[in-house]
Amino acid sequence: MKDENGLYYYPFPQNKRARMYVRQDQGTIWFRLWNADDPQMWAEHDWVPYGAIKQAATMSTSKSFDANRAYDIEAAKALLRE
């Protein structure tokens, strides 16, 4: 899907109020989360390269948040191919 902020998918399909935006720059895929319930999130958190997300995911001990699921590289690639 696409809107004025760019290409996005729903990282949590049951919650249509959160969107994960994706873009590609010089061969790197970048992600940025938007949440209608937290309007400041977009302003406070910039684009993050996928490599940094993978690195952070290996250090995370959180059981309630699955970074690999939210930052879905396959969904991002599919959107960017369209």
N, C-alpha and C. Protein backbone atom coordinates (compact mmCIF):
# COMPACT_ATOMS: atom_id res chain seq x y z
N MET A 1 0.82 -1.16 0.00
CA MET A 1 0.00 0.00 0.00
C MET A 1 0.88 1.24 0.00
N LYS A 2 0.29 2.34 -0.35
CA LYS A 2 1.06 3.57 -0.45
C LYS A 2 0.19 4.76 -0.06
N ASP A 3 0.79 5.70 0.65
CA ASP A 3 0.13 6.96 0.96
C ASP A 3 1.17 8.08 0.85
N GLU A 4 0.87 9.24 1.40
CA GLU A 4 1.77 10.39 1.26
C GLU A 4 3.13 10.18 1.93
N ASN A 5 3.23 9.23 2.87
CA ASN A 5 4.51 8.93 3.53
C ASN A 5 5.33 7.88 2.79
N GLY A 6 4.71 7.16 1.88
CA GLY A 6 5.43 6.14 1.12
C GLY A 6 4.74 4.79 1.14
N LEU A 7 5.53 3.76 0.86
CA LEU A 7 5.04 2.38 0.83
C LEU A 7 4.97 1.83 2.24
N TYR A 8 3.92 1.07 2.54
CA TYR A 8 3.80 0.50 3.88
C TYR A 8 3.05 -0.82 3.87
N TYR A 9 3.22 -1.54 4.97
CA TYR A 9 2.44 -2.74 5.25
C TYR A 9 2.02 -2.67 6.72
N TYR A 10 1.12 -3.54 7.11
CA TYR A 10 0.67 -3.59 8.50
C TYR A 10 1.52 -4.61 9.26
N PRO A 11 2.39 -4.16 10.17
CA PRO A 11 3.25 -5.10 10.88
C PRO A 11 2.49 -5.98 11.87
N PHE A 12 1.35 -5.49 12.31
CA PHE A 12 0.48 -6.23 13.23
C PHE A 12 -0.89 -6.26 12.55
N PRO A 13 -1.16 -7.26 11.74
CA PRO A 13 -2.36 -7.27 10.89
C PRO A 13 -3.68 -6.98 11.62
N GLN A 14 -3.76 -7.32 12.88
CA GLN A 14 -4.98 -7.06 13.64
C GLN A 14 -5.10 -5.59 14.03
N ASN A 15 -4.03 -4.80 13.87
CA ASN A 15 -4.03 -3.39 14.25
C ASN A 15 -3.76 -2.52 13.03
N LYS A 16 -4.80 -2.00 12.43
CA LYS A 16 -4.65 -1.17 11.23
C LYS A 16 -4.22 0.26 11.58
N ARG A 17 -4.01 0.55 12.86
CA ARG A 17 -3.59 1.89 13.27
C ARG A 17 -2.06 2.01 13.32
N ALA A 18 -1.36 0.91 13.03
CA ALA A 18 0.11 0.93 12.97
C ALA A 18 0.52 0.52 11.56
N ARG A 19 1.48 1.25 11.03
CA ARG A 19 2.00 0.96 9.69
C ARG A 19 3.52 0.93 9.72
N MET A 20 4.08 0.03 8.92
CA MET A 20 5.53 -0.02 8.78
C MET A 20 5.84 0.47 7.36
N TYR A 21 6.55 1.58 7.29
CA TYR A 21 6.94 2.14 6.00
C TYR A 21 8.29 1.58 5.60
N VAL A 22 8.49 1.41 4.30
CA VAL A 22 9.74 0.88 3.78
C VAL A 22 10.22 1.72 2.60
N ARG A 23 11.52 1.77 2.47
CA ARG A 23 12.13 2.41 1.31
C ARG A 23 13.47 1.73 1.07
N GLN A 24 14.02 1.96 -0.10
CA GLN A 24 15.33 1.39 -0.43
C GLN A 24 16.22 2.50 -0.92
N ASP A 25 17.45 2.51 -0.42
CA ASP A 25 18.43 3.52 -0.81
C ASP A 25 19.79 2.86 -0.91
N GLN A 26 20.38 2.89 -2.07
CA GLN A 26 21.71 2.33 -2.34
C GLN A 26 21.82 0.87 -1.89
N GLY A 27 20.78 0.10 -2.20
CA GLY A 27 20.80 -1.33 -1.91
C GLY A 27 20.41 -1.71 -0.49
N THR A 28 20.13 -0.75 0.36
CA THR A 28 19.74 -1.02 1.74
C THR A 28 18.25 -0.74 1.91
N ILE A 29 17.57 -1.65 2.60
CA ILE A 29 16.16 -1.45 2.90
C ILE A 29 16.05 -0.80 4.27
N TRP A 30 15.23 0.24 4.33
CA TRP A 30 15.03 1.02 5.54
C TRP A 30 13.58 0.90 6.00
N PHE A 31 13.37 0.97 7.30
CA PHE A 31 12.04 0.85 7.89
C PHE A 31 11.76 2.06 8.79
N ARG A 32 10.46 2.38 8.91
CA ARG A 32 10.03 3.45 9.82
C ARG A 32 8.60 3.15 10.26
N LEU A 33 8.41 3.09 11.57
CA LEU A 33 7.11 2.75 12.12
C LEU A 33 6.27 4.00 12.35
N TRP A 34 5.00 3.92 12.00
CA TRP A 34 4.02 4.98 12.25
C TRP A 34 2.87 4.38 13.04
N ASN A 35 2.38 5.13 14.02
CA ASN A 35 1.27 4.64 14.83
C ASN A 35 0.29 5.77 15.07
N ALA A 36 -0.96 5.58 14.68
CA ALA A 36 -1.99 6.61 14.84
C ALA A 36 -2.23 6.95 16.30
N ASP A 37 -1.95 6.02 17.19
CA ASP A 37 -2.15 6.25 18.62
C ASP A 37 -0.96 6.94 19.28
N ASP A 38 0.12 7.11 18.55
CA ASP A 38 1.32 7.78 19.06
C ASP A 38 1.87 8.69 17.96
N PRO A 39 1.23 9.84 17.71
CA PRO A 39 1.62 10.70 16.60
C PRO A 39 3.06 11.21 16.68
N GLN A 40 3.63 11.29 17.87
CA GLN A 40 5.01 11.78 18.02
C GLN A 40 6.04 10.75 17.53
N MET A 41 5.64 9.50 17.45
CA MET A 41 6.57 8.45 17.05
C MET A 41 7.24 8.78 15.70
N TRP A 42 6.45 9.25 14.75
CA TRP A 42 6.98 9.55 13.42
C TRP A 42 8.03 10.65 13.50
N ALA A 43 7.79 11.65 14.32
CA ALA A 43 8.72 12.77 14.45
C ALA A 43 9.97 12.39 15.25
N GLU A 44 9.82 11.51 16.21
CA GLU A 44 10.92 11.17 17.11
C GLU A 44 11.82 10.04 16.61
N HIS A 45 11.30 9.20 15.73
CA HIS A 45 12.08 8.05 15.26
C HIS A 45 12.24 8.12 13.75
N ASP A 46 13.48 8.14 13.32
CA ASP A 46 13.81 8.27 11.90
C ASP A 46 13.83 6.88 11.24
N TRP A 47 14.21 6.86 9.98
CA TRP A 47 14.36 5.63 9.22
C TRP A 47 15.51 4.82 9.80
N VAL A 48 15.32 3.48 9.85
CA VAL A 48 16.32 2.58 10.41
C VAL A 48 16.68 1.53 9.35
N PRO A 49 17.98 1.34 9.08
CA PRO A 49 18.37 0.32 8.10
C PRO A 49 18.13 -1.09 8.66
N TYR A 50 17.82 -2.00 7.77
CA TYR A 50 17.51 -3.37 8.19
C TYR A 50 18.67 -4.01 8.96
N GLY A 51 19.89 -3.74 8.60
CA GLY A 51 21.04 -4.31 9.31
C GLY A 51 21.04 -3.92 10.78
N ALA A 52 20.70 -2.69 11.09
CA ALA A 52 20.64 -2.25 12.48
C ALA A 52 19.51 -2.94 13.23
N ILE A 53 18.41 -3.17 12.54
CA ILE A 53 17.28 -3.87 13.16
C ILE A 53 17.67 -5.30 13.50
N LYS A 54 18.32 -5.98 12.57
CA LYS A 54 18.77 -7.36 12.81
C LYS A 54 19.75 -7.41 13.97
N GLN A 55 20.65 -6.46 14.03
CA GLN A 55 21.63 -6.43 15.12
C GLN A 55 20.93 -6.23 16.46
N ALA A 56 20.00 -5.30 16.52
CA ALA A 56 19.27 -5.04 17.76
C ALA A 56 18.43 -6.25 18.16
N ALA A 57 17.87 -6.94 17.20
CA ALA A 57 17.02 -8.10 17.49
C ALA A 57 17.83 -9.21 18.16
N THR A 58 19.09 -9.34 17.81
CA THR A 58 19.91 -10.38 18.43
C THR A 58 20.24 -10.05 19.89
N MET A 59 20.19 -8.78 20.24
CA MET A 59 20.50 -8.35 21.60
C MET A 59 19.25 -8.27 22.48
N SER A 60 18.09 -8.27 21.88
CA SER A 60 16.84 -8.10 22.62
C SER A 60 16.47 -9.36 23.38
N THR A 61 15.97 -9.17 24.59
CA THR A 61 15.48 -10.29 25.40
C THR A 61 13.97 -10.21 25.57
N SER A 62 13.33 -9.28 24.87
CA SER A 62 11.88 -9.09 24.99
C SER A 62 11.13 -10.28 24.41
N LYS A 63 10.20 -10.78 25.17
CA LYS A 63 9.35 -11.88 24.70
C LYS A 63 8.06 -11.34 24.08
N SER A 64 7.74 -10.07 24.36
CA SER A 64 6.47 -9.52 23.90
C SER A 64 6.55 -8.86 22.52
N PHE A 65 7.76 -8.64 22.02
CA PHE A 65 7.92 -7.97 20.72
C PHE A 65 8.88 -8.77 19.86
N ASP A 66 8.40 -9.19 18.71
CA ASP A 66 9.22 -9.96 17.76
C ASP A 66 9.62 -9.03 16.62
N ALA A 67 10.85 -8.54 16.66
CA ALA A 67 11.34 -7.59 15.65
C ALA A 67 11.32 -8.21 14.26
N ASN A 68 11.62 -9.50 14.16
CA ASN A 68 11.63 -10.15 12.84
C ASN A 68 10.24 -10.17 12.22
N ARG A 69 9.24 -10.20 13.04
CA ARG A 69 7.87 -10.21 12.52
C ARG A 69 7.42 -8.79 12.16
N ALA A 70 7.72 -7.82 13.01
CA ALA A 70 7.31 -6.44 12.75
C ALA A 70 8.09 -5.85 11.58
N TYR A 71 9.40 -6.08 11.57
CA TYR A 71 10.26 -5.58 10.49
C TYR A 71 10.48 -6.72 9.50
N ASP A 72 9.47 -7.00 8.73
CA ASP A 72 9.44 -8.16 7.83
C ASP A 72 10.16 -7.84 6.52
N ILE A 73 11.35 -8.37 6.38
CA ILE A 73 12.17 -8.07 5.20
C ILE A 73 11.53 -8.60 3.92
N GLU A 74 10.83 -9.72 3.99
CA GLU A 74 10.19 -10.28 2.81
C GLU A 74 9.00 -9.40 2.36
N ALA A 75 8.24 -8.92 3.32
CA ALA A 75 7.13 -8.01 2.99
C ALA A 75 7.69 -6.72 2.38
N ALA A 76 8.78 -6.24 2.93
CA ALA A 76 9.41 -5.02 2.42
C ALA A 76 9.89 -5.22 0.98
N LYS A 77 10.56 -6.32 0.72
CA LYS A 77 11.05 -6.61 -0.63
C LYS A 77 9.89 -6.70 -1.63
N ALA A 78 8.81 -7.34 -1.22
CA ALA A 78 7.65 -7.49 -2.10
C ALA A 78 7.05 -6.11 -2.43
N LEU A 79 6.93 -5.26 -1.44
CA LEU A 79 6.41 -3.91 -1.68
C LEU A 79 7.31 -3.12 -2.62
N LEU A 80 8.60 -3.23 -2.41
CA LEU A 80 9.55 -2.47 -3.23
C LEU A 80 9.61 -2.97 -4.67
N ARG A 81 9.30 -4.24 -4.88
CA ARG A 81 9.29 -4.79 -6.24
C ARG A 81 8.10 -4.30 -7.03
N GLU A 82 6.99 -3.98 -6.37
CA GLU A 82 5.75 -3.58 -7.07
C GLU A 82 5.88 -2.29 -7.81
